[in-house]
PDB file of N, CA and C in Angstrom:
ATOM      1  N   UNK A   1      26.417  -1.895   3.899  1.00  0.00           N
ATOM      2  CA  UNK A   1      25.471  -0.955   4.213  1.00  0.00           C
ATOM      3  C   UNK A   1      26.136   0.120   5.194  1.00  0.00           C
ATOM      4  N   UNK A   2      27.184   0.802   4.759  1.00  0.00           N
ATOM      5  CA  UNK A   2      27.765   1.702   5.820  1.00  0.00           C
ATOM      6  C   UNK A   2      28.266   1.133   6.961  1.00  0.00           C
ATOM      7  N   UNK A   3      28.762  -0.167   6.847  1.00  0.00           N
ATOM      8  CA  UNK A   3      29.380  -0.844   7.970  1.00  0.00           C
ATOM      9  C   UNK A   3      28.291  -1.329   9.052  1.00  0.00           C
ATOM     10  N   UNK A   4      27.092  -1.248   8.865  1.00  0.00           N
ATOM     11  CA  UNK A   4      26.018  -1.727   9.542  1.00  0.00           C
ATOM     12  C   UNK A   4      25.724  -3.126   9.072  1.00  0.00           C
ATOM     13  N   UNK A   5      25.556  -4.031   9.879  1.00  0.00           N
ATOM     14  CA  UNK A   5      25.383  -5.633   9.310  1.00  0.00           C
ATOM     15  C   UNK A   5      23.833  -5.532   8.842  1.00  0.00           C
ATOM     16  N   UNK A   6      23.773  -6.500   7.828  1.00  0.00           N
ATOM     17  CA  UNK A   6      22.379  -6.609   7.192  1.00  0.00           C
ATOM     18  C   UNK A   6      21.125  -6.685   8.087  1.00  0.00           C
ATOM     19  N   UNK A   7      21.269  -7.817   8.889  1.00  0.00           N
ATOM     20  CA  UNK A   7      20.217  -8.030  10.008  1.00  0.00           C
ATOM     21  C   UNK A   7      19.993  -6.929  10.873  1.00  0.00           C
ATOM     22  N   UNK A   8      20.901  -6.372  11.268  1.00  0.00           N
ATOM     23  CA  UNK A   8      20.565  -4.839  11.972  1.00  0.00           C
ATOM     24  C   UNK A   8      20.118  -3.905  11.184  1.00  0.00           C
ATOM     25  N   UNK A   9      20.344  -3.667  10.008  1.00  0.00           N
ATOM     26  CA  UNK A   9      19.608  -2.870   9.061  1.00  0.00           C
ATOM     27  C   UNK A   9      18.401  -3.162   8.836  1.00  0.00           C
ATOM     28  N   UNK A  10      17.915  -4.432   8.586  1.00  0.00           N
ATOM     29  CA  UNK A  10      16.626  -4.687   8.325  1.00  0.00           C
ATOM     30  C   UNK A  10      15.782  -4.559   9.660  1.00  0.00           C
ATOM     31  N   UNK A  11      16.388  -4.714  10.773  1.00  0.00           N
ATOM     32  CA  UNK A  11      15.667  -4.601  12.058  1.00  0.00           C
ATOM     33  C   UNK A  11      15.354  -3.085  12.256  1.00  0.00           C
ATOM     34  N   UNK A  12      16.344  -2.142  11.764  1.00  0.00           N
ATOM     35  CA  UNK A  12      16.031  -0.799  11.971  1.00  0.00           C
ATOM     36  C   UNK A  12      14.938  -0.521  10.996  1.00  0.00           C
ATOM     37  N   UNK A  13      15.000  -0.904   9.745  1.00  0.00           N
ATOM     38  CA  UNK A  13      13.858  -0.638   8.746  1.00  0.00           C
ATOM     39  C   UNK A  13      12.539  -1.015   9.245  1.00  0.00           C
ATOM     40  N   UNK A  14      12.490  -2.225   9.969  1.00  0.00           N
ATOM     41  CA  UNK A  14      11.287  -2.812  10.409  1.00  0.00           C
ATOM     42  C   UNK A  14      10.567  -1.821  11.497  1.00  0.00           C
ATOM     43  N   UNK A  15      11.528  -1.417  12.418  1.00  0.00           N
ATOM     44  CA  UNK A  15      11.149  -0.415  13.324  1.00  0.00           C
ATOM     45  C   UNK A  15      10.687   1.020  13.052  1.00  0.00           C
ATOM     46  N   UNK A  16      11.138   1.397  11.758  1.00  0.00           N
ATOM     47  CA  UNK A  16      10.825   2.639  11.200  1.00  0.00           C
ATOM     48  C   UNK A  16       9.689   2.823  10.352  1.00  0.00           C
ATOM     49  N   UNK A  17       9.135   1.590  10.019  1.00  0.00           N
ATOM     50  CA  UNK A  17       7.978   1.728   9.267  1.00  0.00           C
ATOM     51  C   UNK A  17       6.591   1.749   9.954  1.00  0.00           C
ATOM     52  N   UNK A  18       5.799   2.507   9.445  1.00  0.00           N
ATOM     53  CA  UNK A  18       4.208   2.572   9.986  1.00  0.00           C
ATOM     54  C   UNK A  18       3.207   1.736   9.267  1.00  0.00           C
ATOM     55  N   UNK A  19       3.595   1.342   8.149  1.00  0.00           N
ATOM     56  CA  UNK A  19       2.622   0.429   7.482  1.00  0.00           C
ATOM     57  C   UNK A  19       2.952  -0.735   7.991  1.00  0.00           C
ATOM     58  N   UNK A  20       1.802  -1.523   8.507  1.00  0.00           N
ATOM     59  CA  UNK A  20       1.914  -2.858   9.059  1.00  0.00           C
ATOM     60  C   UNK A  20       2.128  -4.048   8.040  1.00  0.00           C
ATOM     61  N   UNK A  21       1.671  -3.727   6.977  1.00  0.00           N
ATOM     62  CA  UNK A  21       1.938  -5.026   5.909  1.00  0.00           C
ATOM     63  C   UNK A  21       3.437  -4.844   5.710  1.00  0.00           C
ATOM     64  N   UNK A  22       3.944  -3.930   5.320  1.00  0.00           N
ATOM     65  CA  UNK A  22       5.451  -3.822   5.095  1.00  0.00           C
ATOM     66  C   UNK A  22       6.322  -4.147   6.291  1.00  0.00           C
ATOM     67  N   UNK A  23       5.844  -3.676   7.481  1.00  0.00           N
ATOM     68  CA  UNK A  23       6.786  -4.079   8.734  1.00  0.00           C
ATOM     69  C   UNK A  23       6.563  -5.411   9.111  1.00  0.00           C
ATOM     70  N   UNK A  24       5.443  -6.162   8.801  1.00  0.00           N
ATOM     71  CA  UNK A  24       5.155  -7.659   8.943  1.00  0.00           C
ATOM     72  C   UNK A  24       6.325  -8.296   7.801  1.00  0.00           C
ATOM     73  N   UNK A  25       6.138  -7.734   6.577  1.00  0.00           N
ATOM     74  CA  UNK A  25       6.942  -8.270   5.404  1.00  0.00           C
ATOM     75  C   UNK A  25       8.604  -8.400   5.838  1.00  0.00           C
ATOM     76  N   UNK A  26       8.958  -7.034   6.448  1.00  0.00           N
ATOM     77  CA  UNK A  26      10.193  -6.922   6.683  1.00  0.00           C
ATOM     78  C   UNK A  26      10.851  -7.738   7.702  1.00  0.00           C
ATOM     79  N   UNK A  27       9.933  -8.027   8.973  1.00  0.00           N
ATOM     80  CA  UNK A  27      10.127  -8.909  10.027  1.00  0.00           C
ATOM     81  C   UNK A  27      10.414 -10.295   9.465  1.00  0.00           C
ATOM     82  N   UNK A  28       9.286 -10.783   8.593  1.00  0.00           N
ATOM     83  CA  UNK A  28       9.521 -12.124   7.935  1.00  0.00           C
ATOM     84  C   UNK A  28      10.862 -12.057   7.217  1.00  0.00           C
ATOM     85  N   UNK A  29      11.194 -11.211   6.532  1.00  0.00           N
ATOM     86  CA  UNK A  29      12.397 -11.172   5.678  1.00  0.00           C
ATOM     87  C   UNK A  29      13.643 -11.109   6.714  1.00  0.00           C
ATOM     88  N   UNK A  30      13.733 -10.619   7.740  1.00  0.00           N
ATOM     89  CA  UNK A  30      14.461 -10.794   8.828  1.00  0.00           C
ATOM     90  C   UNK A  30      14.784 -12.289   9.177  1.00  0.00           C
ATOM     91  N   UNK A  31      13.658 -12.945   9.435  1.00  0.00           N
ATOM     92  CA  UNK A  31      13.664 -14.290   9.788  1.00  0.00           C
ATOM     93  C   UNK A  31      14.403 -15.079   8.768  1.00  0.00           C
ATOM     94  N   UNK A  32      14.020 -14.777   7.537  1.00  0.00           N
ATOM     95  CA  UNK A  32      14.557 -15.568   6.365  1.00  0.00           C
ATOM     96  C   UNK A  32      16.034 -15.375   6.235  1.00  0.00           C
ATOM     97  N   UNK A  33      16.369 -14.091   6.529  1.00  0.00           N
ATOM     98  CA  UNK A  33      17.937 -13.922   6.320  1.00  0.00           C
ATOM     99  C   UNK A  33      18.455 -14.628   7.361  1.00  0.00           C
ATOM    100  N   UNK A  34      17.958 -14.745   8.734  1.00  0.00           N
ATOM    101  CA  UNK A  34      18.688 -15.490   9.691  1.00  0.00           C
ATOM    102  C   UNK A  34      18.547 -17.034   9.381  1.00  0.00           C
ATOM    103  N   UNK A  35      17.644 -17.492   8.433  1.00  0.00           N
ATOM    104  CA  UNK A  35      17.764 -18.810   8.184  1.00  0.00           C
ATOM    105  C   UNK A  35      18.560 -18.971   6.981  1.00  0.00           C
ATOM    106  N   UNK A  36      19.186 -18.150   6.460  1.00  0.00           N
ATOM    107  CA  UNK A  36      20.282 -18.492   5.324  1.00  0.00           C
ATOM    108  C   UNK A  36      19.824 -17.840   4.075  1.00  0.00           C
ATOM    109  N   UNK A  37      18.406 -17.206   3.793  1.00  0.00           N
ATOM    110  CA  UNK A  37      17.949 -16.794   2.464  1.00  0.00           C
ATOM    111  C   UNK A  37      18.865 -15.468   2.286  1.00  0.00           C
ATOM    112  N   UNK A  38      18.850 -15.065   1.218  1.00  0.00           N
ATOM    113  CA  UNK A  38      19.366 -13.754   0.825  1.00  0.00           C
ATOM    114  C   UNK A  38      18.333 -12.736   1.142  1.00  0.00           C
ATOM    115  N   UNK A  39      18.741 -11.416   0.938  1.00  0.00           N
ATOM    116  CA  UNK A  39      17.881 -10.429   0.966  1.00  0.00           C
ATOM    117  C   UNK A  39      16.919 -10.363  -0.093  1.00  0.00           C
ATOM    118  N   UNK A  40      17.360 -10.518  -1.546  1.00  0.00           N
ATOM    119  CA  UNK A  40      16.647 -10.336  -2.689  1.00  0.00           C
ATOM    120  C   UNK A  40      15.607 -11.630  -2.484  1.00  0.00           C
ATOM    121  N   UNK A  41      15.868 -12.790  -2.138  1.00  0.00           N
ATOM    122  CA  UNK A  41      15.090 -13.812  -1.994  1.00  0.00           C
ATOM    123  C   UNK A  41      13.932 -13.661  -1.054  1.00  0.00           C
ATOM    124  N   UNK A  42      14.333 -13.004   0.154  1.00  0.00           N
ATOM    125  CA  UNK A  42      13.369 -12.514   1.000  1.00  0.00           C
ATOM    126  C   UNK A  42      12.318 -11.460   0.359  1.00  0.00           C
ATOM    127  N   UNK A  43      13.012 -10.502  -0.221  1.00  0.00           N
ATOM    128  CA  UNK A  43      11.923  -9.335  -0.752  1.00  0.00           C
ATOM    129  C   UNK A  43      11.138 -10.205  -1.879  1.00  0.00           C
ATOM    130  N   UNK A  44      11.606 -11.000  -2.791  1.00  0.00           N
ATOM    131  CA  UNK A  44      10.818 -11.563  -3.849  1.00  0.00           C
ATOM    132  C   UNK A  44       9.766 -12.557  -3.149  1.00  0.00           C
ATOM    133  N   UNK A  45       9.853 -13.078  -1.942  1.00  0.00           N
ATOM    134  CA  UNK A  45       8.824 -13.859  -1.344  1.00  0.00           C
ATOM    135  C   UNK A  45       7.835 -12.928  -0.638  1.00  0.00           C
ATOM    136  N   UNK A  46       8.145 -11.837  -0.460  1.00  0.00           N
ATOM    137  CA  UNK A  46       7.218 -11.011   0.315  1.00  0.00           C
ATOM    138  C   UNK A  46       6.103 -10.475  -0.856  1.00  0.00           C
ATOM    139  N   UNK A  47       6.522 -10.267  -2.061  1.00  0.00           N
ATOM    140  CA  UNK A  47       5.471  -9.859  -3.084  1.00  0.00           C
ATOM    141  C   UNK A  47       5.094  -8.538  -2.894  1.00  0.00           C
ATOM    142  N   UNK A  48       5.617  -7.515  -2.180  1.00  0.00           N
ATOM    143  CA  UNK A  48       5.236  -6.277  -1.986  1.00  0.00           C
ATOM    144  C   UNK A  48       6.203  -5.341  -2.587  1.00  0.00           C
ATOM    145  N   UNK A  49       7.279  -5.834  -3.182  1.00  0.00           N
ATOM    146  CA  UNK A  49       8.322  -4.884  -3.740  1.00  0.00           C
ATOM    147  C   UNK A  49       8.420  -5.204  -5.320  1.00  0.00           C
ATOM    148  N   UNK A  50       8.568  -4.243  -6.021  1.00  0.00           N
ATOM    149  CA  UNK A  50       8.719  -4.221  -7.425  1.00  0.00           C
ATOM    150  C   UNK A  50       9.790  -5.145  -8.051  1.00  0.00           C
ATOM    151  N   UNK A  51       9.433  -6.006  -9.096  1.00  0.00           N
ATOM    152  CA  UNK A  51      10.405  -6.940  -9.444  1.00  0.00           C
ATOM    153  C   UNK A  51      11.561  -6.432  -9.988  1.00  0.00           C
ATOM    154  N   UNK A  52      11.757  -5.292 -10.417  1.00  0.00           N
ATOM    155  CA  UNK A  52      12.852  -4.513 -10.926  1.00  0.00           C
ATOM    156  C   UNK A  52      13.630  -4.335  -9.822  1.00  0.00           C
ATOM    157  N   UNK A  53      13.213  -3.906  -8.555  1.00  0.00           N
ATOM    158  CA  UNK A  53      13.847  -3.616  -7.320  1.00  0.00           C
ATOM    159  C   UNK A  53      14.514  -4.739  -6.667  1.00  0.00           C
ATOM    160  N   UNK A  54      13.791  -5.828  -6.810  1.00  0.00           N
ATOM    161  CA  UNK A  54      14.333  -7.253  -6.239  1.00  0.00           C
ATOM    162  C   UNK A  54      15.423  -7.714  -7.165  1.00  0.00           C
ATOM    163  N   UNK A  55      15.297  -7.485  -8.523  1.00  0.00           N
ATOM    164  CA  UNK A  55      16.400  -7.901  -9.337  1.00  0.00           C
ATOM    165  C   UNK A  55      17.644  -7.055  -9.070  1.00  0.00           C
ATOM    166  N   UNK A  56      17.483  -5.872  -8.781  1.00  0.00           N
ATOM    167  CA  UNK A  56      18.579  -4.909  -8.644  1.00  0.00           C
ATOM    168  C   UNK A  56      19.189  -5.059  -7.334  1.00  0.00           C
ATOM    169  N   UNK A  57      18.421  -5.441  -6.146  1.00  0.00           N
ATOM    170  CA  UNK A  57      19.059  -5.964  -4.934  1.00  0.00           C
ATOM    171  C   UNK A  57      19.862  -7.348  -5.246  1.00  0.00           C
ATOM    172  N   UNK A  58      19.408  -8.111  -6.125  1.00  0.00           N
ATOM    173  CA  UNK A  58      20.122  -9.449  -6.303  1.00  0.00           C
ATOM    174  C   UNK A  58      21.311  -9.130  -7.010  1.00  0.00           C
ATOM    175  N   UNK A  59      21.331  -8.258  -8.001  1.00  0.00           N
ATOM    176  CA  UNK A  59      22.685  -7.711  -8.488  1.00  0.00           C
ATOM    177  C   UNK A  59      23.734  -7.088  -7.590  1.00  0.00           C
ATOM    178  N   UNK A  60      23.102  -6.345  -6.848  1.00  0.00           N
ATOM    179  CA  UNK A  60      23.819  -5.646  -5.693  1.00  0.00           C
ATOM    180  C   UNK A  60      24.599  -6.714  -4.745  1.00  0.00           C
ATOM    181  N   UNK A  61      23.716  -7.696  -4.422  1.00  0.00           N
ATOM    182  CA  UNK A  61      24.257  -8.748  -3.545  1.00  0.00           C
ATOM    183  C   UNK A  61      25.344  -9.589  -4.261  1.00  0.00           C
ATOM    184  N   UNK A  62      25.210  -9.962  -5.430  1.00  0.00           N
ATOM    185  CA  UNK A  62      26.130 -10.495  -6.244  1.00  0.00           C
ATOM    186  C   UNK A  62      27.432  -9.973  -6.565  1.00  0.00           C
ATOM    187  N   UNK A  63      27.403  -8.518  -6.715  1.00  0.00           N
ATOM    188  CA  UNK A  63      28.370  -7.576  -7.117  1.00  0.00           C
ATOM    189  C   UNK A  63      29.250  -7.083  -5.815  1.00  0.00           C
ATOM    190  N   UNK A  64      28.505  -7.323  -4.727  1.00  0.00           N
ATOM    191  CA  UNK A  64      29.219  -6.800  -3.419  1.00  0.00           C
ATOM    192  C   UNK A  64      28.885  -5.045  -3.228  1.00  0.00           C
ATOM    193  N   UNK A  65      27.900  -4.600  -4.165  1.00  0.00           N
ATOM    194  CA  UNK A  65      27.571  -3.215  -4.208  1.00  0.00           C
ATOM    195  C   UNK A  65      26.191  -3.130  -3.547  1.00  0.00           C
ATOM    196  N   UNK A  66      25.594  -3.829  -2.654  1.00  0.00           N
ATOM    197  CA  UNK A  66      24.363  -3.715  -2.160  1.00  0.00           C
ATOM    198  C   UNK A  66      23.994  -2.293  -1.742  1.00  0.00           C
ATOM    199  N   UNK A  67      24.867  -1.712  -0.935  1.00  0.00           N
ATOM    200  CA  UNK A  67      24.322  -0.432  -0.470  1.00  0.00           C
ATOM    201  C   UNK A  67      24.304   0.760  -1.584  1.00  0.00           C
ATOM    202  N   UNK A  68      25.214   0.630  -2.555  1.00  0.00           N
ATOM    203  CA  UNK A  68      25.037   1.679  -3.761  1.00  0.00           C
ATOM    204  C   UNK A  68      23.829   1.193  -4.436  1.00  0.00           C
ATOM    205  N   UNK A  69      23.471  -0.148  -4.808  1.00  0.00           N
ATOM    206  CA  UNK A  69      22.172  -0.602  -5.338  1.00  0.00           C
ATOM    207  C   UNK A  69      21.069   0.088  -4.692  1.00  0.00           C
ATOM    208  N   UNK A  70      21.041  -0.163  -3.425  1.00  0.00           N
ATOM    209  CA  UNK A  70      19.815   0.290  -2.538  1.00  0.00           C
ATOM    210  C   UNK A  70      19.742   1.855  -2.615  1.00  0.00           C
ATOM    211  N   UNK A  71      20.950   2.596  -2.641  1.00  0.00           N
ATOM    212  CA  UNK A  71      20.779   3.981  -3.009  1.00  0.00           C
ATOM    213  C   UNK A  71      20.277   4.357  -4.265  1.00  0.00           C
ATOM    214  N   UNK A  72      20.461   3.548  -5.233  1.00  0.00           N
ATOM    215  CA  UNK A  72      20.000   3.758  -6.710  1.00  0.00           C
ATOM    216  C   UNK A  72      18.520   3.458  -6.762  1.00  0.00           C
ATOM    217  N   UNK A  73      18.061   2.366  -6.014  1.00  0.00           N
ATOM    218  CA  UNK A  73      16.485   2.128  -5.844  1.00  0.00           C
ATOM    219  C   UNK A  73      15.783   3.203  -5.069  1.00  0.00           C
ATOM    220  N   UNK A  74      16.496   3.723  -4.258  1.00  0.00           N
ATOM    221  CA  UNK A  74      15.840   4.872  -3.282  1.00  0.00           C
ATOM    222  C   UNK A  74      15.863   5.939  -4.286  1.00  0.00           C
ATOM    223  N   UNK A  75      16.737   6.476  -5.151  1.00  0.00           N
ATOM    224  CA  UNK A  75      16.636   7.567  -5.873  1.00  0.00           C
ATOM    225  C   UNK A  75      15.599   7.397  -6.921  1.00  0.00           C
ATOM    226  N   UNK A  76      15.395   6.264  -7.473  1.00  0.00           N
ATOM    227  CA  UNK A  76      14.359   5.990  -8.463  1.00  0.00           C
ATOM    228  C   UNK A  76      13.007   6.071  -7.692  1.00  0.00           C
ATOM    229  N   UNK A  77      12.815   5.717  -6.541  1.00  0.00           N
ATOM    230  CA  UNK A  77      11.454   5.786  -5.770  1.00  0.00           C
ATOM    231  C   UNK A  77      11.178   7.194  -5.676  1.00  0.00           C
ATOM    232  N   UNK A  78      12.182   7.855  -5.127  1.00  0.00           N
ATOM    233  CA  UNK A  78      11.834   9.134  -4.820  1.00  0.00           C
ATOM    234  C   UNK A  78      11.644  10.129  -6.062  1.00  0.00           C
ATOM    235  N   UNK A  79      12.288   9.876  -7.273  1.00  0.00           N
ATOM    236  CA  UNK A  79      12.028  10.499  -8.479  1.00  0.00           C
ATOM    237  C   UNK A  79      10.445  10.117  -9.017  1.00  0.00           C
ATOM    238  N   UNK A  80      10.103   8.886  -8.751  1.00  0.00           N
ATOM    239  CA  UNK A  80       8.590   8.401  -9.016  1.00  0.00           C
ATOM    240  C   UNK A  80       7.680   9.187  -8.231  1.00  0.00           C
ATOM    241  N   UNK A  81       7.884   9.314  -6.871  1.00  0.00           N
ATOM    242  CA  UNK A  81       6.955  10.111  -6.128  1.00  0.00           C
ATOM    243  C   UNK A  81       7.028  11.577  -6.450  1.00  0.00           C
ATOM    244  N   UNK A  82       8.111  11.987  -6.957  1.00  0.00           N
ATOM    245  CA  UNK A  82       8.245  13.395  -7.247  1.00  0.00           C
ATOM    246  C   UNK A  82       7.320  13.570  -8.546  1.00  0.00           C
ATOM    247  N   UNK A  83       7.477  12.729  -9.547  1.00  0.00           N
ATOM    248  CA  UNK A  83       6.555  12.906 -10.927  1.00  0.00           C
ATOM    249  C   UNK A  83       5.031  12.555 -10.442  1.00  0.00           C
ATOM    250  N   UNK A  84       4.896  11.777  -9.570  1.00  0.00           N
ATOM    251  CA  UNK A  84       3.452  11.592  -9.162  1.00  0.00           C
ATOM    252  C   UNK A  84       2.802  12.885  -8.532  1.00  0.00           C
ATOM    253  N   UNK A  85       3.628  13.455  -7.641  1.00  0.00           N
ATOM    254  CA  UNK A  85       3.163  14.478  -6.990  1.00  0.00           C
ATOM    255  C   UNK A  85       2.943  15.726  -7.833  1.00  0.00           C
ATOM    256  N   UNK A  86       3.873  16.063  -8.818  1.00  0.00           N
ATOM    257  CA  UNK A  86       3.564  17.029  -9.886  1.00  0.00           C
ATOM    258  C   UNK A  86       2.539  16.721 -10.722  1.00  0.00           C
ATOM    259  N   UNK A  87       2.132  15.538 -11.095  1.00  0.00           N
ATOM    260  CA  UNK A  87       0.931  15.243 -11.788  1.00  0.00           C
ATOM    261  C   UNK A  87      -0.301  15.481 -10.881  1.00  0.00           C
ATOM    262  N   UNK A  88      -0.330  15.158  -9.622  1.00  0.00           N
ATOM    263  CA  UNK A  88      -1.332  15.432  -8.935  1.00  0.00           C
ATOM    264  C   UNK A  88      -1.632  17.017  -8.924  1.00  0.00           C
ATOM    265  N   UNK A  89      -0.513  17.682  -8.557  1.00  0.00           N
ATOM    266  CA  UNK A  89      -0.682  19.180  -8.436  1.00  0.00           C
ATOM    267  C   UNK A  89      -1.101  19.686  -9.680  1.00  0.00           C
ATOM    268  N   UNK A  90      -0.756  19.288 -10.932  1.00  0.00           N
ATOM    269  CA  UNK A  90      -1.172  19.766 -12.052  1.00  0.00           C
ATOM    270  C   UNK A  90      -2.727  19.353 -12.299  1.00  0.00           C
ATOM    271  N   UNK A  91      -3.101  18.442 -11.866  1.00  0.00           N
ATOM    272  CA  UNK A  91      -4.613  18.368 -11.854  1.00  0.00           C
ATOM    273  C   UNK A  91      -5.427  18.928 -10.818  1.00  0.00           C
ATOM    274  N   UNK A  92      -4.777  19.168  -9.735  1.00  0.00           N
ATOM    275  CA  UNK A  92      -5.362  19.950  -8.527  1.00  0.00           C
ATOM    276  C   UNK A  92      -5.611  21.196  -8.983  1.00  0.00           C
ATOM    277  N   UNK A  93      -4.739  22.069  -9.510  1.00  0.00           N
ATOM    278  CA  UNK A  93      -4.942  23.451  -9.767  1.00  0.00           C
ATOM    279  C   UNK A  93      -6.282  23.902 -10.617  1.00  0.00           C
ATOM    280  N   UNK A  94      -6.473  23.191 -11.694  1.00  0.00           N
ATOM    281  CA  UNK A  94      -7.662  23.615 -12.469  1.00  0.00           C
ATOM    282  C   UNK A  94      -8.932  23.045 -11.518  1.00  0.00           C
ATOM    283  N   UNK A  95      -8.909  22.207 -10.819  1.00  0.00           N
ATOM    284  CA  UNK A  95     -10.163  21.620 -10.098  1.00  0.00           C
ATOM    285  C   UNK A  95     -10.311  22.659  -8.798  1.00  0.00           C
ATOM    286  N   UNK A  96      -9.219  23.235  -8.354  1.00  0.00           N
ATOM    287  CA  UNK A  96      -9.406  24.298  -7.304  1.00  0.00           C
ATOM    288  C   UNK A  96      -9.872  25.473  -7.890  1.00  0.00           C
ATOM    289  N   UNK A  97      -9.494  25.831  -9.180  1.00  0.00           N
ATOM    290  CA  UNK A  97     -10.054  27.001  -9.852  1.00  0.00           C
ATOM    291  C   UNK A  97     -11.575  26.984  -9.926  1.00  0.00           C
ATOM    292  N   UNK A  98     -11.892  25.824 -10.327  1.00  0.00           N
ATOM    293  CA  UNK A  98     -13.434  25.633 -10.659  1.00  0.00           C
ATOM    294  C   UNK A  98     -14.126  25.731  -9.284  1.00  0.00           C
ATOM    295  N   UNK A  99     -13.689  25.246  -8.350  1.00  0.00           N
ATOM    296  CA  UNK A  99     -14.333  25.078  -7.115  1.00  0.00           C
ATOM    297  C   UNK A  99     -14.550  26.394  -6.510  1.00  0.00           C
ATOM    298  N   UNK A 100     -13.345  27.291  -6.489  1.00  0.00           N
ATOM    299  CA  UNK A 100     -13.419  28.783  -6.081  1.00  0.00           C
ATOM    300  C   UNK A 100     -14.353  29.538  -7.055  1.00  0.00           C
ATOM    301  N   UNK A 101     -14.296  29.200  -8.278  1.00  0.00           N
ATOM    302  CA  UNK A 101     -15.343  29.977  -9.153  1.00  0.00           C
ATOM    303  C   UNK A 101     -16.716  29.861  -8.908  1.00  0.00           C
ATOM    304  N   UNK A 102     -16.940  28.510  -8.587  1.00  0.00           N
ATOM    305  CA  UNK A 102     -18.382  28.156  -8.137  1.00  0.00           C
ATOM    306  C   UNK A 102     -18.773  28.765  -6.781  1.00  0.00           C
ATOM    307  N   UNK A 103     -17.913  28.851  -5.967  1.00  0.00           N
ATOM    308  CA  UNK A 103     -18.134  29.429  -4.654  1.00  0.00           C
ATOM    309  C   UNK A 103     -18.563  30.981  -4.852  1.00  0.00           C
ATOM    310  N   UNK A 104     -17.605  31.589  -5.766  1.00  0.00           N
ATOM    311  CA  UNK A 104     -17.511  32.983  -5.958  1.00  0.00           C
ATOM    312  C   UNK A 104     -18.995  33.425  -6.483  1.00  0.00           C
ATOM    313  N   UNK A 105     -19.322  32.531  -7.638  1.00  0.00           N
ATOM    314  CA  UNK A 105     -20.572  32.577  -8.470  1.00  0.00           C
ATOM    315  C   UNK A 105     -21.856  32.332  -7.659  1.00  0.00           C
ATOM    316  N   UNK A 106     -21.684  31.326  -6.559  1.00  0.00           N
ATOM    317  CA  UNK A 106     -22.821  31.480  -5.644  1.00  0.00           C
ATOM    318  C   UNK A 106     -22.871  32.611  -4.943  1.00  0.00           C
ATOM    319  N   UNK A 107     -21.857  33.094  -4.357  1.00  0.00           N
ATOM    320  CA  UNK A 107     -22.005  34.267  -3.527  1.00  0.00           C
ATOM    321  C   UNK A 107     -22.687  35.377  -4.326  1.00  0.00           C
ATOM    322  N   UNK A 108     -22.032  35.521  -5.630  1.00  0.00           N
ATOM    323  CA  UNK A 108     -22.560  36.827  -6.359  1.00  0.00           C
ATOM    324  C   UNK A 108     -24.124  36.645  -6.725  1.00  0.00           C
ATOM    325  N   UNK A 109     -24.620  35.360  -6.820  1.00  0.00           N
ATOM    326  CA  UNK A 109     -26.012  35.057  -7.195  1.00  0.00           C
ATOM    327  C   UNK A 109     -26.775  35.210  -5.994  1.00  0.00           C
ATOM    328  N   UNK A 110     -26.291  34.985  -4.629  1.00  0.00           N
ATOM    329  CA  UNK A 110     -27.155  35.040  -3.567  1.00  0.00           C
ATOM    330  C   UNK A 110     -27.098  36.681  -3.265  1.00  0.00           C
ATOM    331  N   UNK A 111     -25.971  37.378  -3.459  1.00  0.00           N
ATOM    332  CA  UNK A 111     -26.173  38.671  -3.266  1.00  0.00           C
ATOM    333  C   UNK A 111     -27.223  39.451  -4.354  1.00  0.00           C
ATOM    334  N   UNK A 112     -26.952  39.033  -5.545  1.00  0.00           N
ATOM    335  CA  UNK A 112     -27.866  39.621  -6.601  1.00  0.00           C
ATOM    336  C   UNK A 112     -29.247  39.320  -6.209  1.00  0.00           C
ATOM    337  N   UNK A 113     -29.748  38.097  -5.805  1.00  0.00           N
ATOM    338  CA  UNK A 113     -30.981  37.705  -5.310  1.00  0.00           C
ATOM    339  C   UNK A 113     -31.518  38.442  -4.208  1.00  0.00           C
ATOM    340  N   UNK A 114     -30.642  38.923  -3.296  1.00  0.00           N
ATOM    341  CA  UNK A 114     -31.035  39.918  -2.184  1.00  0.00           C
ATOM    342  C   UNK A 114     -31.353  41.084  -2.576  1.00  0.00           C
ATOM    343  N   UNK A 115     -30.450  41.604  -3.662  1.00  0.00           N
ATOM    344  CA  UNK A 115     -30.663  43.007  -4.138  1.00  0.00           C
ATOM    345  C   UNK A 115     -31.906  43.094  -4.882  1.00  0.00           C
ATOM    346  N   UNK A 116     -32.223  42.205  -5.805  1.00  0.00           N
ATOM    347  CA  UNK A 116     -33.397  42.035  -6.477  1.00  0.00           C
ATOM    348  C   UNK A 116     -34.704  42.200  -5.586  1.00  0.00           C
ATOM    349  N   UNK A 117     -34.489  41.168  -4.675  1.00  0.00           N
ATOM    350  CA  UNK A 117     -35.727  41.158  -3.719  1.00  0.00           C
ATOM    351  C   UNK A 117     -36.047  42.522  -2.791  1.00  0.00           C
ATOM    352  N   UNK A 118     -34.849  42.936  -2.416  1.00  0.00           N
ATOM    353  CA  UNK A 118     -35.045  44.413  -1.913  1.00  0.00           C
ATOM    354  C   UNK A 118     -35.687  45.340  -2.886  1.00  0.00           C
ATOM    355  N   UNK A 119     -35.302  45.402  -4.114  1.00  0.00           N
ATOM    356  CA  UNK A 119     -35.965  46.229  -5.107  1.00  0.00           C
ATOM    357  C   UNK A 119     -37.191  45.939  -5.326  1.00  0.00           C
ATOM    358  N   UNK A 120     -37.697  44.786  -5.249  1.00  0.00           N
ATOM    359  CA  UNK A 120     -39.240  44.442  -5.349  1.00  0.00           C
ATOM    360  C   UNK A 120     -39.740  44.896  -4.137  1.00  0.00           C
ATOM    361  N   UNK A 121     -39.399  44.874  -3.065  1.00  0.00           N
ATOM    362  CA  UNK A 121     -40.026  45.340  -1.754  1.00  0.00           C
ATOM    363  C   UNK A 121     -40.240  46.891  -2.067  1.00  0.00           C
ATOM    364  N   UNK A 122     -39.111  47.540  -2.591  1.00  0.00           N
ATOM    365  CA  UNK A 122     -39.108  48.991  -2.798  1.00  0.00           C
ATOM    366  C   UNK A 122     -40.190  49.421  -3.689  1.00  0.00           C
ATOM    367  N   UNK A 123     -40.637  48.555  -4.742  1.00  0.00           N
ATOM    368  CA  UNK A 123     -41.504  48.930  -5.818  1.00  0.00           C
ATOM    369  C   UNK A 123     -42.997  48.708  -5.311  1.00  0.00           C
ATOM    370  N   UNK A 124     -43.092  47.883  -4.266  1.00  0.00           N
ATOM    371  CA  UNK A 124     -44.414  47.766  -3.796  1.00  0.00           C
ATOM    372  C   UNK A 124     -44.843  48.633  -2.999  1.00  0.00           C
TER     373      UNK A 124
END
């Protein structure tokens, strides 16, 4: 992992996380690694990570390419988040159009109501 020992990397990750569940899982994984389990075994035991990612980490450990495999997983996760954001924005644009149309329509109706009430007053 770019010359950083695995335990130190796991400790840094735990310190960087805001999510309490993931932080607790990473701290537990750190203890499991200290007791002799592999990173992939710790990730599998946490049950917070996708099975595919756990299997890819196991392959990376076996082949000695853990850093490259973690980079690959990070790229997959980033692409998934990008797709989800694009889908959300695609749904958000029509929704905002409808809301803005309703607000403008309400304003027009209130102005027209005021004009017609003034017209009724003038005719009396």
